[in-house]
């Protein structure tokens, strides 16, 4: 139930998320970081500095 003083939104109106504006993000130039391999990936120990 609507509270006193609040208007009911029209179901035909857009609710703020529907729009025709696209986000323009620049392409990421960096390569992804290689994934940790083997036992180091599953263990609880901290990574050893190399």
Foldseek 3Di string as FASTA:
>chain_A
DDDPPDDDDDPVDDPPPDDPDDDDDDDDPDDDDDDDDDPVNPDPDDDDDD
